[in-house]
Amino acid sequence: MQQVTTTTGKVAPERLDVVLPHEHVLVDFIGADRVSRSRYDPEEVYRVALPYLQRLKQAGCRTLVECTPAYLGRDPQLLQRLSKASGLYILTNTGWYGAANDKYLPARAYSLSAEQIASEWVTEAQKGIEGTTIRPGFIKIGVDPEPSEVDMRLVEAAALTHRKTGLTIASHTGPGSAARKQIERLEQLGVRPSAFIWVHAQVESDRSMHVWAAERGAWVEFDGVSPETIDQHAQYILHLRQKGLLGRVLVSHDAGWYHVGEPGGGTFREYTTLFTHLLPELRKAGLTDKEIEQLTAKNPQRAFAGA
């Protein structure tokens, strides 16, 4: 039986109900060499973040996928506590982030093989993260628009980890050329594109690239939903629907978050714009209730179950 691993344990995919597949609760951009839990008060983060999660639950969402990786502020115990308090399922991740010119990679990443990196990620998946019993629900990596050698080593490590754990690979990507490189490399390593989420696909304006990736079987994720981007996201979604590919689309905000280093965590963006703005726009454009359910529930359930 397929199951998805949340911060509070394994659940059947259908229990995830409506899912936001790409959000953040806390992020620290100080860099891998300086990141530390001593840089923030978890009690303050809890107080700031909880009302946003509660409003999301009230809006009709059941699951939030938290995409902050190690060395960028990942805090699984905080997420587990917020999950229990809000009534939302929350997923955390394993993996390393190679985008932003590798600012968020640990120094040892450059000297480790893909097999050695994967061994660390597999250990988290099988035994828990950082001495806890909390296990990741997916693999989060990142590459630059022109993936470097170390970026592609992370892709290979993700492939090896997926093959041992079944965890889906979500890759901060952006341009379609980088998505193509990763999908083709994963296929060479024996990983089906259906195990890959092209994160930030809305950055690619060439809709033929969205079609190519979706037809290949990858998940095409438009995750920049905000009041200013409703039309853009709606048009991308409607284009793939017109091509018969709505079943490969994911949609989210990339919102939140408590920004470590800013007073009070800075400006926390709501997780509810999809429900208050985008879904009404899609309904006006003709999406049926069944298609809305597919987009917001069935697709992400399948994506994180490895289907």
Protein backbone atom coordinates (compact mmCIF):
# COMPACT_ATOMS: atom_id res chain seq x y z
CA MET A 1 0.00 0.00 0.00
CA GLN A 2 1.37 3.42 -0.97
CA GLN A 3 1.94 5.85 1.87
CA VAL A 4 3.27 9.38 2.26
CA THR A 5 5.55 10.34 5.15
CA THR A 6 4.52 13.45 7.08
CA THR A 7 6.17 14.99 10.13
CA THR A 8 3.67 13.11 12.30
CA GLY A 9 3.93 9.74 10.54
CA LYS A 10 2.87 7.85 7.44
CA VAL A 11 -0.57 8.32 5.91
CA ALA A 12 -2.41 7.00 2.86
CA PRO A 13 -2.15 9.51 -0.03
CA GLU A 14 -5.89 10.17 -0.13
CA ARG A 15 -5.81 11.35 3.48
CA LEU A 16 -3.67 14.31 2.38
CA ASP A 17 -6.83 15.73 0.73
CA VAL A 18 -6.09 19.24 -0.64
CA VAL A 19 -2.34 19.88 -0.80
CA LEU A 20 -0.13 22.93 -1.24
CA PRO A 21 2.98 21.27 -2.72
CA HIS A 22 5.49 24.11 -2.35
CA GLU A 23 5.52 26.42 0.67
CA HIS A 24 7.88 27.54 3.43
CA VAL A 25 7.48 28.15 7.16
CA LEU A 26 11.00 29.34 7.99
CA VAL A 27 14.02 30.19 5.83
CA ASP A 28 17.51 31.40 6.74
CA PHE A 29 19.51 32.82 3.83
CA ILE A 30 22.72 33.41 5.83
CA GLY A 31 24.57 30.62 4.02
CA ALA A 32 25.53 27.02 4.76
CA ASP A 33 28.69 28.03 6.62
CA ARG A 34 26.78 30.18 9.13
CA VAL A 35 23.27 28.74 9.38
CA SER A 36 22.31 27.73 12.92
CA ARG A 37 19.20 27.19 15.03
CA SER A 38 20.71 29.61 17.52
CA ARG A 39 19.85 32.40 15.06
CA TYR A 40 16.13 32.30 15.88
CA ASP A 41 13.72 31.66 18.74
CA PRO A 42 11.50 28.68 17.82
CA GLU A 43 8.80 29.95 20.18
CA GLU A 44 8.60 33.22 18.27
CA VAL A 45 8.50 31.39 14.93
CA TYR A 46 5.71 29.18 16.27
CA ARG A 47 3.65 32.19 17.37
CA VAL A 48 4.15 33.98 14.05
CA ALA A 49 3.51 31.02 11.73
CA LEU A 50 0.62 29.26 13.47
CA PRO A 51 -2.16 31.75 12.60
CA TYR A 52 -1.26 31.53 8.89
CA LEU A 53 -1.44 27.75 9.00
CA GLN A 54 -4.74 27.87 10.86
CA ARG A 55 -6.22 30.20 8.23
CA LEU A 56 -5.01 27.82 5.53
CA LYS A 57 -6.79 24.92 7.23
CA GLN A 58 -9.96 27.02 7.43
CA ALA A 59 -9.66 27.77 3.70
CA GLY A 60 -10.00 24.08 2.93
CA CYS A 61 -6.42 22.84 2.76
CA ARG A 62 -5.31 19.70 4.60
CA THR A 63 -1.61 19.36 3.75
CA LEU A 64 1.34 21.72 3.38
CA VAL A 65 4.61 20.60 1.82
CA GLU A 66 7.44 22.56 3.46
CA CYS A 67 10.30 22.89 0.99
CA THR A 68 13.06 24.45 3.09
CA PRO A 69 16.07 22.13 2.79
CA ALA A 70 18.97 21.47 5.12
CA TYR A 71 21.40 24.41 5.45
CA LEU A 72 18.59 26.85 4.64
CA GLY A 73 16.67 26.59 7.91
CA ARG A 74 14.96 23.18 7.85
CA ASP A 75 13.54 22.52 11.34
CA PRO A 76 11.53 19.27 11.41
CA GLN A 77 10.66 19.47 15.12
CA LEU A 78 9.17 22.94 14.68
CA LEU A 79 7.18 21.68 11.69
CA GLN A 80 5.91 18.68 13.64
CA ARG A 81 4.74 20.94 16.45
CA LEU A 82 3.00 23.29 14.02
CA SER A 83 1.37 20.33 12.30
CA LYS A 84 -0.14 19.09 15.54
CA ALA A 85 -1.31 22.58 16.54
CA SER A 86 -2.81 23.54 13.18
CA GLY A 87 -4.38 20.23 12.21
CA LEU A 88 -2.52 20.26 8.90
CA TYR A 89 -0.32 17.46 7.65
CA ILE A 90 3.14 18.92 6.99
CA LEU A 91 5.88 17.24 4.95
CA THR A 92 9.58 18.00 5.33
CA ASN A 93 12.45 16.86 3.14
CA THR A 94 15.93 15.46 2.71
CA GLY A 95 18.39 16.73 0.11
CA TRP A 96 20.67 19.72 -0.51
CA TYR A 97 20.14 22.95 -2.43
CA GLY A 98 22.68 23.71 -5.14
CA ALA A 99 21.10 26.81 -6.67
CA ALA A 100 22.20 30.41 -5.90
CA ASN A 101 25.77 29.57 -6.92
CA ASP A 102 25.97 26.89 -4.24
CA LYS A 103 25.81 29.32 -1.30
CA TYR A 104 23.65 26.85 0.61
CA LEU A 105 25.75 23.73 0.09
CA PRO A 106 27.91 22.37 2.90
CA ALA A 107 31.63 22.51 2.08
CA ARG A 108 31.90 18.73 2.03
CA ALA A 109 29.51 18.56 -0.93
CA TYR A 110 32.42 19.27 -3.27
CA SER A 111 34.47 16.30 -2.12
CA LEU A 112 31.68 13.71 -1.82
CA SER A 113 30.56 11.40 -4.59
CA ALA A 114 26.90 11.12 -5.55
CA GLU A 115 26.85 7.76 -3.77
CA GLN A 116 28.21 9.28 -0.56
CA ILE A 117 25.72 12.15 -0.65
CA ALA A 118 22.86 9.75 -1.30
CA SER A 119 23.95 7.64 1.66
CA GLU A 120 23.37 10.62 3.98
CA TRP A 121 19.92 11.29 2.50
CA VAL A 122 18.91 7.64 2.62
CA THR A 123 19.92 7.52 6.28
CA GLU A 124 17.58 10.43 7.03
CA ALA A 125 14.78 8.69 5.15
CA GLN A 126 15.27 5.40 6.94
CA LYS A 127 16.28 6.51 10.46
CA GLY A 128 15.10 10.09 10.90
CA ILE A 129 16.47 13.61 10.55
CA GLU A 130 19.17 14.90 12.90
CA GLY A 131 18.59 12.41 15.66
CA THR A 132 14.79 12.73 15.60
CA THR A 133 12.25 10.13 14.52
CA ILE A 134 10.89 12.57 11.91
CA ARG A 135 11.46 11.34 8.39
CA PRO A 136 11.37 13.21 5.10
CA GLY A 137 8.39 12.93 2.75
CA PHE A 138 10.36 13.90 -0.38
CA ILE A 139 13.78 14.93 -1.71
CA LYS A 140 14.44 18.65 -2.24
CA ILE A 141 17.35 19.74 -4.41
CA GLY A 142 18.16 22.88 -6.38
CA VAL A 143 20.15 23.70 -9.49
CA ASP A 144 21.20 26.94 -11.17
CA PRO A 145 19.78 27.90 -14.61
CA GLU A 146 22.98 26.42 -16.07
CA PRO A 147 23.50 23.46 -13.72
CA SER A 148 27.08 23.12 -12.50
CA GLU A 149 28.98 19.89 -12.02
CA VAL A 150 28.06 19.78 -8.34
CA ASP A 151 24.42 20.56 -9.21
CA MET A 152 24.28 17.52 -11.48
CA ARG A 153 25.92 15.42 -8.78
CA LEU A 154 22.99 16.36 -6.55
CA VAL A 155 20.64 15.18 -9.29
CA GLU A 156 22.50 11.87 -9.40
CA ALA A 157 22.38 11.61 -5.59
CA ALA A 158 18.64 12.29 -5.71
CA ALA A 159 18.22 9.52 -8.28
CA LEU A 160 20.10 7.06 -6.08
CA THR A 161 18.07 8.13 -3.04
CA HIS A 162 14.79 7.78 -4.93
CA ARG A 163 15.70 4.29 -6.09
CA LYS A 164 16.34 3.23 -2.48
CA THR A 165 13.47 5.05 -0.78
CA GLY A 166 10.82 5.78 -3.42
CA LEU A 167 10.80 9.46 -2.40
CA THR A 168 9.79 11.98 -5.05
CA ILE A 169 12.41 14.50 -6.22
CA ALA A 170 11.41 18.19 -6.15
CA SER A 171 14.06 20.35 -7.81
CA HIS A 172 14.27 24.14 -7.65
CA THR A 173 14.84 24.69 -11.34
CA GLY A 174 13.20 27.52 -13.25
CA PRO A 175 14.24 27.47 -16.93
CA GLY A 176 13.08 24.62 -19.13
CA SER A 177 16.59 23.89 -20.36
CA ALA A 178 17.64 22.99 -16.81
CA ALA A 179 14.50 20.91 -16.35
CA ARG A 180 15.26 18.99 -19.55
CA LYS A 181 18.84 18.28 -18.45
CA GLN A 182 17.64 16.88 -15.13
CA ILE A 183 14.80 14.81 -16.56
CA GLU A 184 17.05 13.29 -19.21
CA ARG A 185 19.79 12.54 -16.66
CA LEU A 186 17.29 10.95 -14.28
CA GLU A 187 16.01 8.75 -17.09
CA GLN A 188 19.58 7.65 -17.80
CA LEU A 189 19.84 6.68 -14.13
CA GLY A 190 16.66 4.62 -14.24
CA VAL A 191 14.28 7.14 -12.66
CA ARG A 192 10.92 7.74 -14.35
CA PRO A 193 10.04 11.41 -14.97
CA SER A 194 6.91 10.89 -12.86
CA ALA A 195 9.22 10.94 -9.83
CA PHE A 196 10.40 14.48 -10.69
CA ILE A 197 8.76 17.82 -9.84
CA TRP A 198 9.89 20.75 -11.97
CA VAL A 199 9.79 23.48 -9.31
CA HIS A 200 9.20 27.10 -10.42
CA ALA A 201 8.11 26.11 -13.93
CA GLN A 202 6.32 29.47 -14.20
CA VAL A 203 9.76 31.06 -14.72
CA GLU A 204 9.81 29.41 -18.17
CA SER A 205 7.67 31.44 -20.57
CA ASP A 206 7.97 28.94 -23.43
CA ARG A 207 4.82 26.90 -22.97
CA SER A 208 6.13 24.20 -25.30
CA MET A 209 8.65 23.32 -22.57
CA HIS A 210 5.79 22.82 -20.09
CA VAL A 211 4.13 20.53 -22.62
CA TRP A 212 7.36 18.61 -23.28
CA ALA A 213 7.95 17.94 -19.57
CA ALA A 214 4.33 17.00 -18.89
CA GLU A 215 4.17 14.68 -21.89
CA ARG A 216 7.38 13.07 -20.67
CA GLY A 217 5.56 12.36 -17.42
CA ALA A 218 7.15 14.91 -15.09
CA TRP A 219 5.20 17.10 -12.69
CA VAL A 220 5.08 20.71 -13.88
CA GLU A 221 4.73 22.97 -10.85
CA PHE A 222 3.51 26.55 -11.11
CA ASP A 223 4.25 27.69 -7.58
CA GLY A 224 4.41 31.49 -7.64
CA VAL A 225 0.73 32.17 -6.97
CA SER A 226 0.18 35.69 -5.63
CA PRO A 227 -2.46 38.37 -6.22
CA GLU A 228 -0.19 39.78 -8.96
CA THR A 229 0.35 36.50 -10.84
CA ILE A 230 -3.17 35.04 -11.06
CA ASP A 231 -3.55 35.58 -14.80
CA GLN A 232 -0.11 34.13 -15.61
CA HIS A 233 -0.71 31.00 -13.54
CA ALA A 234 -4.22 30.57 -14.86
CA GLN A 235 -3.01 30.79 -18.47
CA TYR A 236 -0.25 28.22 -17.92
CA ILE A 237 -2.69 25.82 -16.26
CA LEU A 238 -5.33 26.32 -18.94
CA HIS A 239 -2.77 25.71 -21.69
CA LEU A 240 -1.80 22.33 -20.26
CA ARG A 241 -5.48 21.51 -19.71
CA GLN A 242 -6.16 22.31 -23.37
CA LYS A 243 -3.34 19.88 -24.28
CA GLY A 244 -4.93 17.17 -22.15
CA LEU A 245 -2.16 17.42 -19.55
CA LEU A 246 -3.93 18.82 -16.47
CA GLY A 247 -3.05 15.54 -14.76
CA ARG A 248 0.64 16.55 -14.62
CA VAL A 249 0.16 20.01 -13.06
CA LEU A 250 0.89 21.13 -9.50
CA VAL A 251 0.12 24.60 -8.15
CA SER A 252 1.26 26.45 -5.03
CA HIS A 253 2.45 29.83 -3.68
CA ASP A 254 6.09 29.46 -2.55
CA ALA A 255 4.82 31.66 0.28
CA GLY A 256 5.31 32.18 4.01
CA TRP A 257 7.79 32.58 5.71
CA TYR A 258 9.56 33.55 8.89
CA HIS A 259 12.73 35.17 7.52
CA VAL A 260 15.55 34.58 10.00
CA GLY A 261 17.57 37.74 10.51
CA GLU A 262 14.69 40.16 9.94
CA PRO A 263 12.88 41.74 12.92
CA GLY A 264 9.91 39.57 13.85
CA GLY A 265 10.65 37.37 10.87
CA GLY A 266 9.85 40.06 8.31
CA THR A 267 6.73 40.00 6.13
CA PHE A 268 4.92 36.65 6.20
CA ARG A 269 2.90 36.03 3.03
CA GLU A 270 -0.46 34.24 3.22
CA TYR A 271 -0.96 30.69 1.96
CA THR A 272 -4.58 31.29 0.93
CA THR A 273 -4.36 33.24 -2.35
CA LEU A 274 -4.86 30.06 -4.37
CA PHE A 275 -8.24 29.58 -2.71
CA THR A 276 -9.37 33.21 -2.71
CA HIS A 277 -8.11 34.29 -6.15
CA LEU A 278 -6.78 31.55 -8.45
CA LEU A 279 -9.44 28.85 -8.07
CA PRO A 280 -12.32 31.31 -8.69
CA GLU A 281 -10.49 32.49 -11.82
CA LEU A 282 -10.07 28.91 -13.04
CA ARG A 283 -13.75 28.17 -12.38
CA LYS A 284 -14.69 31.25 -14.40
CA ALA A 285 -12.53 29.86 -17.21
CA GLY A 286 -14.51 26.63 -17.16
CA LEU A 287 -12.70 24.21 -14.86
CA THR A 288 -15.15 21.77 -13.32
CA ASP A 289 -15.27 20.75 -9.67
CA LYS A 290 -13.69 17.44 -10.69
CA GLU A 291 -10.83 19.23 -12.44
CA ILE A 292 -10.30 21.50 -9.43
CA GLU A 293 -10.14 18.42 -7.23
CA GLN A 294 -7.62 16.86 -9.61
CA LEU A 295 -5.44 19.97 -9.56
CA THR A 296 -5.51 20.61 -5.82
CA ALA A 297 -5.82 17.11 -4.36
CA LYS A 298 -5.46 14.14 -6.72
CA ASN A 299 -2.35 15.40 -8.53
CA PRO A 300 -0.26 16.26 -5.45
CA GLN A 301 -1.39 13.08 -3.70
CA ARG A 302 -0.07 11.08 -6.64
CA ALA A 303 3.08 13.19 -6.91
CA PHE A 304 4.19 12.60 -3.33
CA ALA A 305 3.10 8.98 -3.31
CA GLY A 306 5.53 8.34 -6.13
CA ALA A 307 2.78 7.53 -8.63
